[in-house]
Protein backbone atom coordinates (compact mmCIF):
# COMPACT_ATOMS: atom_id res chain seq x y z
CA MET A 1 9.00 32.45 -40.01
CA VAL A 2 9.36 30.28 -43.11
CA SER A 3 10.45 32.09 -46.26
CA THR A 4 7.42 30.92 -48.23
CA THR A 5 3.91 29.59 -47.80
CA VAL A 6 2.59 27.65 -50.80
CA GLY A 7 -1.21 27.85 -50.76
CA ILE A 8 -3.35 25.27 -52.56
CA PRO A 9 -7.16 25.53 -52.49
CA THR A 10 -8.40 22.12 -53.64
CA LEU A 11 -11.32 19.77 -54.12
CA LEU A 12 -8.78 16.94 -53.74
CA ARG A 13 -8.63 16.08 -57.43
CA ASN A 14 -6.27 13.30 -58.49
CA SER A 15 -3.90 15.83 -60.02
CA LEU A 16 -3.04 17.22 -56.56
CA LYS A 17 -0.64 14.32 -56.08
CA LYS A 18 1.49 15.50 -59.03
CA THR A 19 1.55 19.04 -57.66
CA LEU A 20 2.78 17.82 -54.27
CA GLU A 21 5.37 15.52 -55.86
CA ALA A 22 6.76 18.53 -57.75
CA LEU A 23 6.94 20.50 -54.50
CA MET A 24 9.03 17.69 -52.99
CA ASN A 25 11.66 18.38 -55.66
CA GLN A 26 12.01 22.15 -55.23
CA SER A 27 15.51 23.64 -55.10
CA GLU A 28 14.33 25.86 -52.21
CA ASP A 29 13.55 23.91 -49.04
CA ASP A 30 12.46 26.63 -46.59
CA PHE A 31 8.72 26.56 -47.26
CA GLU A 32 5.44 25.23 -45.92
CA VAL A 33 2.42 23.94 -47.84
CA LEU A 34 -1.03 25.14 -46.77
CA ILE A 35 -3.90 23.12 -48.23
CA THR A 36 -7.52 24.21 -47.85
CA TYR A 37 -9.72 21.37 -49.01
CA LYS A 38 -13.26 20.18 -49.54
CA GLY A 39 -13.97 16.47 -49.63
CA ASN A 40 -12.48 13.40 -48.01
CA LEU A 41 -8.78 13.70 -47.27
CA THR A 42 -7.19 10.42 -48.35
CA ARG A 43 -4.34 8.62 -46.65
CA GLU A 44 -2.34 8.98 -49.88
CA ILE A 45 -2.44 12.78 -49.60
CA GLU A 46 -1.92 12.77 -45.81
CA ASN A 47 1.23 10.70 -46.34
CA PHE A 48 2.90 13.70 -48.00
CA GLU A 49 3.33 15.05 -44.45
CA LYS A 50 6.32 12.69 -44.27
CA TYR A 51 8.09 14.66 -47.01
CA LEU A 52 6.67 18.18 -46.84
CA ASN A 53 5.84 20.69 -44.11
CA ILE A 54 2.05 20.62 -44.68
CA ARG A 55 -0.93 22.11 -42.88
CA PHE A 56 -4.41 20.92 -43.84
CA ILE A 57 -7.46 23.13 -43.24
CA GLU A 58 -10.88 21.72 -44.07
CA GLN A 59 -13.22 24.16 -45.81
CA LYS A 60 -16.68 23.58 -44.38
CA GLU A 61 -18.59 26.32 -46.20
CA GLY A 62 -18.31 28.73 -49.11
CA LEU A 63 -16.77 28.40 -52.55
CA PHE A 64 -13.38 29.16 -54.11
CA GLU A 65 -13.16 32.73 -52.86
CA GLU A 66 -13.67 31.62 -49.26
CA ALA A 67 -11.02 28.93 -49.75
CA LEU A 68 -8.53 31.50 -51.00
CA ASN A 69 -9.34 33.85 -48.13
CA THR A 70 -8.57 31.00 -45.73
CA VAL A 71 -5.15 30.67 -47.35
CA LEU A 72 -4.54 34.43 -47.13
CA PHE A 73 -5.53 34.48 -43.44
CA ASN A 74 -3.43 31.48 -42.42
CA ALA A 75 -0.25 32.01 -44.44
CA LYS A 76 2.95 32.60 -42.47
CA GLY A 77 5.66 33.07 -45.09
CA LYS A 78 7.65 36.10 -46.14
CA ILE A 79 5.80 35.57 -49.39
CA LEU A 80 2.70 33.53 -50.23
CA ILE A 81 2.57 31.65 -53.53
CA THR A 82 -0.70 30.17 -54.72
CA ILE A 83 -0.96 27.28 -57.15
CA ASP A 84 -3.82 25.20 -58.52
CA ASP A 85 -4.18 21.51 -57.73
CA ASP A 86 -3.65 20.73 -61.43
CA ALA A 87 -0.46 22.77 -61.92
CA ILE A 88 3.08 21.38 -61.88
CA PRO A 89 5.81 23.78 -60.71
CA LEU A 90 9.33 23.50 -62.13
CA ARG A 91 12.26 22.87 -59.79
CA ASP A 92 13.23 26.54 -59.24
CA TRP A 93 9.64 27.77 -58.93
CA ILE A 94 9.79 28.91 -55.30
CA LYS A 95 13.35 30.17 -55.65
CA ASP A 96 12.38 32.31 -58.66
CA HIS A 97 9.42 33.88 -56.87
CA LEU A 98 11.56 34.71 -53.84
CA SER A 99 14.26 36.24 -56.02
CA PHE A 100 11.75 38.33 -57.96
CA HIS A 101 10.24 39.82 -54.81
CA ASP A 102 13.67 40.47 -53.30
CA ASN A 103 14.62 42.42 -56.43
CA HIS A 104 11.30 44.26 -56.85
CA LYS A 105 10.36 45.87 -53.55
CA ASN A 106 7.55 47.88 -55.15
CA VAL A 107 5.75 44.81 -56.53
CA GLY A 108 3.02 43.56 -54.23
CA ILE A 109 1.65 40.73 -56.38
CA ALA A 110 3.44 38.88 -59.17
CA SER A 111 2.61 36.10 -61.59
CA GLY A 112 5.18 33.73 -63.07
CA LYS A 113 5.14 31.92 -66.40
CA VAL A 114 2.28 29.50 -67.10
CA THR A 115 2.35 26.91 -69.88
CA GLY A 116 -0.32 24.38 -70.83
CA LYS A 117 -3.96 25.26 -70.22
CA ARG A 118 -4.93 28.79 -71.26
CA TRP A 119 -7.81 31.09 -70.34
CA ILE A 120 -9.89 33.55 -72.32
CA ASN A 121 -10.41 37.09 -71.03
CA TYR A 122 -13.86 37.51 -72.55
CA PRO A 123 -14.16 41.31 -71.99
CA ASN A 124 -11.35 41.71 -74.53
CA TYR A 125 -14.02 41.23 -77.20
CA LEU A 126 -15.67 44.45 -76.02
CA TYR A 127 -12.27 46.11 -75.78
CA GLU A 128 -11.67 45.52 -79.49
CA LYS A 129 -15.08 46.95 -80.35
CA PHE A 130 -15.01 49.97 -78.04
CA LYS A 131 -11.29 50.66 -77.48
CA SER A 132 -11.46 54.17 -78.93
CA THR A 133 -14.39 55.15 -76.69
CA LYS A 134 -14.75 56.47 -73.15
CA TYR A 135 -16.00 53.06 -72.00
CA MET A 136 -12.51 51.58 -72.37
CA GLU A 137 -10.55 54.50 -70.94
CA GLU A 138 -8.24 53.71 -68.03
CA TYR A 139 -9.87 54.14 -64.63
CA ASN A 140 -7.10 56.57 -63.67
CA GLU A 141 -3.50 57.51 -64.49
CA VAL A 142 -2.09 54.55 -62.54
CA PHE A 143 -3.31 52.15 -65.22
CA LYS A 144 -1.86 54.07 -68.22
CA ASP A 145 1.21 51.80 -68.34
CA TYR A 146 -0.58 48.57 -67.41
CA VAL A 147 -1.04 46.04 -70.23
CA GLY A 148 -4.02 44.48 -68.48
CA TYR A 149 -5.83 47.44 -66.96
CA LEU A 150 -9.02 48.62 -65.27
CA THR A 151 -11.50 50.56 -67.41
CA LYS A 152 -13.82 53.32 -66.23
CA THR A 153 -16.67 50.83 -66.63
CA GLY A 154 -14.99 48.45 -64.17
CA LEU A 155 -13.81 45.79 -66.62
CA SER A 156 -10.35 44.23 -66.73
CA VAL A 157 -9.11 44.22 -70.34
CA ASP A 158 -5.81 43.69 -72.14
CA ARG A 159 -4.59 46.33 -74.58
CA LYS A 160 -2.24 43.81 -76.25
CA GLU A 161 -0.95 40.27 -75.85
CA HIS A 162 1.12 39.75 -72.72
CA LYS A 163 4.82 38.96 -73.17
CA GLY A 164 5.96 38.86 -69.53
CA ASN A 165 7.81 41.35 -67.32
CA GLU A 166 4.93 43.83 -67.49
CA LYS A 167 2.63 45.75 -65.20
CA THR A 168 -0.77 44.11 -65.48
CA LEU A 169 -3.99 43.13 -63.75
CA ALA A 170 -3.84 39.80 -65.62
CA ILE A 171 -2.38 37.91 -62.68
CA VAL A 172 -2.83 34.12 -62.79
CA GLY A 173 -3.88 32.51 -59.52
CA ALA A 174 -2.35 29.21 -60.60
CA ASN A 175 1.03 30.92 -60.24
CA MET A 176 0.64 34.03 -58.07
CA SER A 177 2.88 35.37 -55.31
CA LEU A 178 2.14 38.06 -52.74
CA LYS A 179 4.39 39.85 -50.30
CA ARG A 180 3.48 39.46 -46.64
CA GLU A 181 2.83 43.22 -46.48
CA VAL A 182 0.07 42.64 -49.05
CA TYR A 183 -1.47 39.25 -48.27
CA THR A 184 -1.96 40.23 -44.63
CA TYR A 185 -4.42 42.94 -45.68
CA VAL A 186 -6.09 41.93 -48.95
CA ARG A 187 -9.04 39.57 -49.32
CA THR A 188 -11.17 38.25 -52.16
CA ILE A 189 -14.83 39.29 -52.37
CA PRO A 190 -17.16 36.24 -52.25
CA PHE A 191 -19.49 37.25 -55.08
CA THR A 192 -18.95 34.63 -57.83
CA LEU A 193 -19.62 30.94 -58.39
CA ARG A 194 -16.29 30.14 -60.06
CA GLY A 195 -13.85 32.54 -58.43
CA SER A 196 -13.57 34.68 -61.57
CA TYR A 197 -11.09 37.55 -61.30
CA ASN A 198 -10.17 36.76 -57.70
CA GLU A 199 -6.58 37.68 -58.64
CA THR A 200 -7.75 40.99 -60.12
CA VAL A 201 -9.71 41.84 -56.98
CA LEU A 202 -6.58 41.20 -54.89
CA SER A 203 -4.40 43.13 -57.33
CA LEU A 204 -6.65 46.18 -57.25
CA GLN A 205 -6.37 46.25 -53.47
CA ALA A 206 -2.58 46.00 -53.71
CA ILE A 207 -2.50 48.85 -56.25
CA LYS A 208 -4.67 50.97 -53.96
CA MET A 209 -2.09 50.31 -51.23
CA GLY A 210 0.62 51.76 -53.51
CA PHE A 211 2.14 48.55 -54.89
CA GLU A 212 2.52 47.41 -58.49
CA THR A 213 1.28 44.08 -59.86
CA ARG A 214 3.43 42.39 -62.50
CA THR A 215 4.11 39.28 -64.54
CA PHE A 216 7.61 37.90 -65.04
CA SER A 217 9.08 35.20 -67.28
CA LYS A 218 10.44 32.77 -64.69
CA ALA A 219 8.90 30.64 -61.89
CA GLU A 220 7.24 28.42 -64.48
CA VAL A 221 4.35 26.04 -63.89
CA TYR A 222 2.71 23.66 -66.33
CA HIS A 223 -1.09 23.74 -66.08
CA ILE A 224 -2.64 20.36 -66.89
CA GLN A 225 -5.37 20.42 -69.56
CA ASN A 226 -8.35 19.63 -67.33
CA PRO A 227 -11.81 21.25 -67.33
CA SER A 228 -11.91 23.59 -64.32
CA LEU A 229 -13.68 26.60 -62.83
CA SER A 230 -11.74 29.00 -65.07
CA ALA A 231 -11.63 26.77 -68.17
CA PRO A 232 -15.00 24.98 -68.31
CA THR A 233 -16.53 22.64 -70.84
CA LYS A 234 -18.23 24.20 -73.88
CA GLU A 235 -21.63 23.66 -72.26
CA GLU A 236 -20.61 25.74 -69.23
CA GLU A 237 -18.83 28.52 -71.10
CA GLY A 238 -21.86 30.83 -71.27
CA ALA A 239 -22.17 30.82 -67.48
CA LEU A 240 -18.50 31.74 -67.14
CA ILE A 241 -18.85 34.61 -69.63
CA ILE A 242 -21.77 36.07 -67.68
CA GLU A 243 -19.79 35.81 -64.45
CA LYS A 244 -16.78 37.57 -66.00
CA TYR A 245 -18.88 40.61 -66.80
CA THR A 246 -20.03 40.98 -63.19
CA LEU A 247 -16.54 42.14 -62.15
CA PRO A 248 -17.56 45.85 -61.89
CA TYR A 249 -19.73 44.91 -58.91
CA ALA A 250 -16.60 43.87 -56.96
CA VAL A 251 -14.44 46.67 -58.35
CA ASN A 252 -16.84 49.24 -56.94
CA PHE A 253 -15.92 48.15 -53.39
CA ILE A 254 -12.29 49.12 -54.11
CA PHE A 255 -12.44 51.84 -56.78
CA PRO A 256 -15.87 53.52 -56.92
CA LEU A 257 -17.38 53.50 -60.40
CA GLU A 258 -19.54 55.99 -62.28
CA VAL A 259 -22.80 54.05 -62.49
CA GLU A 260 -24.31 56.34 -65.12
CA LEU A 261 -21.46 55.44 -67.47
CA ILE A 262 -22.15 51.74 -66.93
CA LYS A 263 -25.86 52.34 -67.51
CA GLU A 264 -25.07 54.10 -70.80
CA PHE A 265 -22.67 51.32 -71.84
CA LEU A 266 -25.39 48.73 -71.25
CA THR A 267 -27.42 50.23 -74.12
CA LYS A 268 -24.61 49.42 -76.55
CA ILE A 269 -23.91 45.76 -75.74
CA GLN A 270 -25.83 42.49 -75.84
CA GLY A 271 -25.69 38.77 -75.05
CA GLU A 272 -23.85 37.34 -72.04
CA ALA A 273 -21.90 40.58 -71.65
CA LYS A 274 -25.09 42.55 -71.13
CA ILE A 275 -26.54 39.99 -68.71
CA GLY A 276 -23.42 40.05 -66.54
CA LEU A 277 -22.99 43.81 -66.60
CA GLU A 278 -26.68 44.34 -65.81
CA LEU A 279 -26.23 42.18 -62.72
CA ALA A 280 -23.18 44.22 -61.71
CA PHE A 281 -25.14 47.45 -62.20
CA LYS A 282 -28.01 46.10 -60.09
CA GLY A 283 -25.62 45.00 -57.35
CA ILE A 284 -23.98 48.43 -57.18
CA GLU A 285 -27.22 50.40 -57.38
CA GLU A 286 -29.00 48.32 -54.75
CA ARG A 287 -25.92 47.84 -52.54
CA ILE A 288 -26.39 44.10 -52.50
CA LYS A 289 -24.15 42.08 -50.16
CA PRO A 290 -21.56 39.90 -51.97
CA THR A 291 -22.98 36.56 -50.82
CA ASP A 292 -26.49 37.70 -51.77
CA PHE A 293 -25.16 38.84 -55.14
CA ARG A 294 -23.74 35.34 -55.64
CA LEU A 295 -27.21 33.86 -55.10
CA ILE A 296 -28.70 36.24 -57.67
CA LEU A 297 -25.95 35.29 -60.12
CA LYS A 298 -26.71 31.59 -59.60
CA LYS A 299 -30.45 32.13 -60.04
CA THR A 300 -29.84 34.06 -63.27
CA ILE A 301 -27.55 31.41 -64.73
CA ASP A 302 -29.85 28.55 -63.69
CA GLY A 303 -32.78 30.36 -65.31
CA ILE A 304 -30.92 30.66 -68.61
CA ARG A 305 -29.92 26.98 -68.52
CA ASN A 306 -33.58 26.00 -68.10
CA LEU A 307 -34.80 27.98 -71.11
């Protein structure tokens, strides 16, 4: 068994070459690279097999969540580290992740330092408005000491700015590592168009198994400033916001939610937040299958675009 599997779901963007070049220069050499891809695999990328232990798996159906599940299913390492195809890991990246997991047996999923491109956790806007209310209370006692935590309404919010070395749900998939005891059993739920909160869905499963999920200040990657699924252009931002607020639908599969509380909360919010949370409420109430929910989400977003 290799010590580490590095998983890269990709659409074979040009930036993948830089990611693979950085992996060639890692201080740790006992690792494999597992690439799940859509598109035409070029000779330039295939040539990296000369320098790296790479497995290529073509993704023939599904979206990002299915790609990540393929990585989770096919990983072989003592730990699995995921990275985006537009992220550049520093030389000790793999070594730092291995060391962190060796020293933190109770941590199931960890996220290292990310510089460069940043994300917005849109539900934090509602957190600021409703943080003293029951809608933003922690789901249970487990989340009392989590910086990024699960609310009773099924949202993932941050009670303060993250500084590293903290318990949190705010795990970054561009720099995420999972113990074998976790990645063998957890899976994403294929309910979104952009893969929103896939890390949170995995983290909630790990927490339910009895593990912690944490950030730490080493294992750094630089995230290139490209438009992407999680950081779209301004024109696409509204669609992403709606998708972010559908998270309670997926949460309910892991930690059952009080739907009457969500229904009550819906009367107090508006805009994209309300659209997304209404979809989540509908999905829970009607027990809609994840892939069917994804189609409803797409239809809703397309309808708004065409207004």
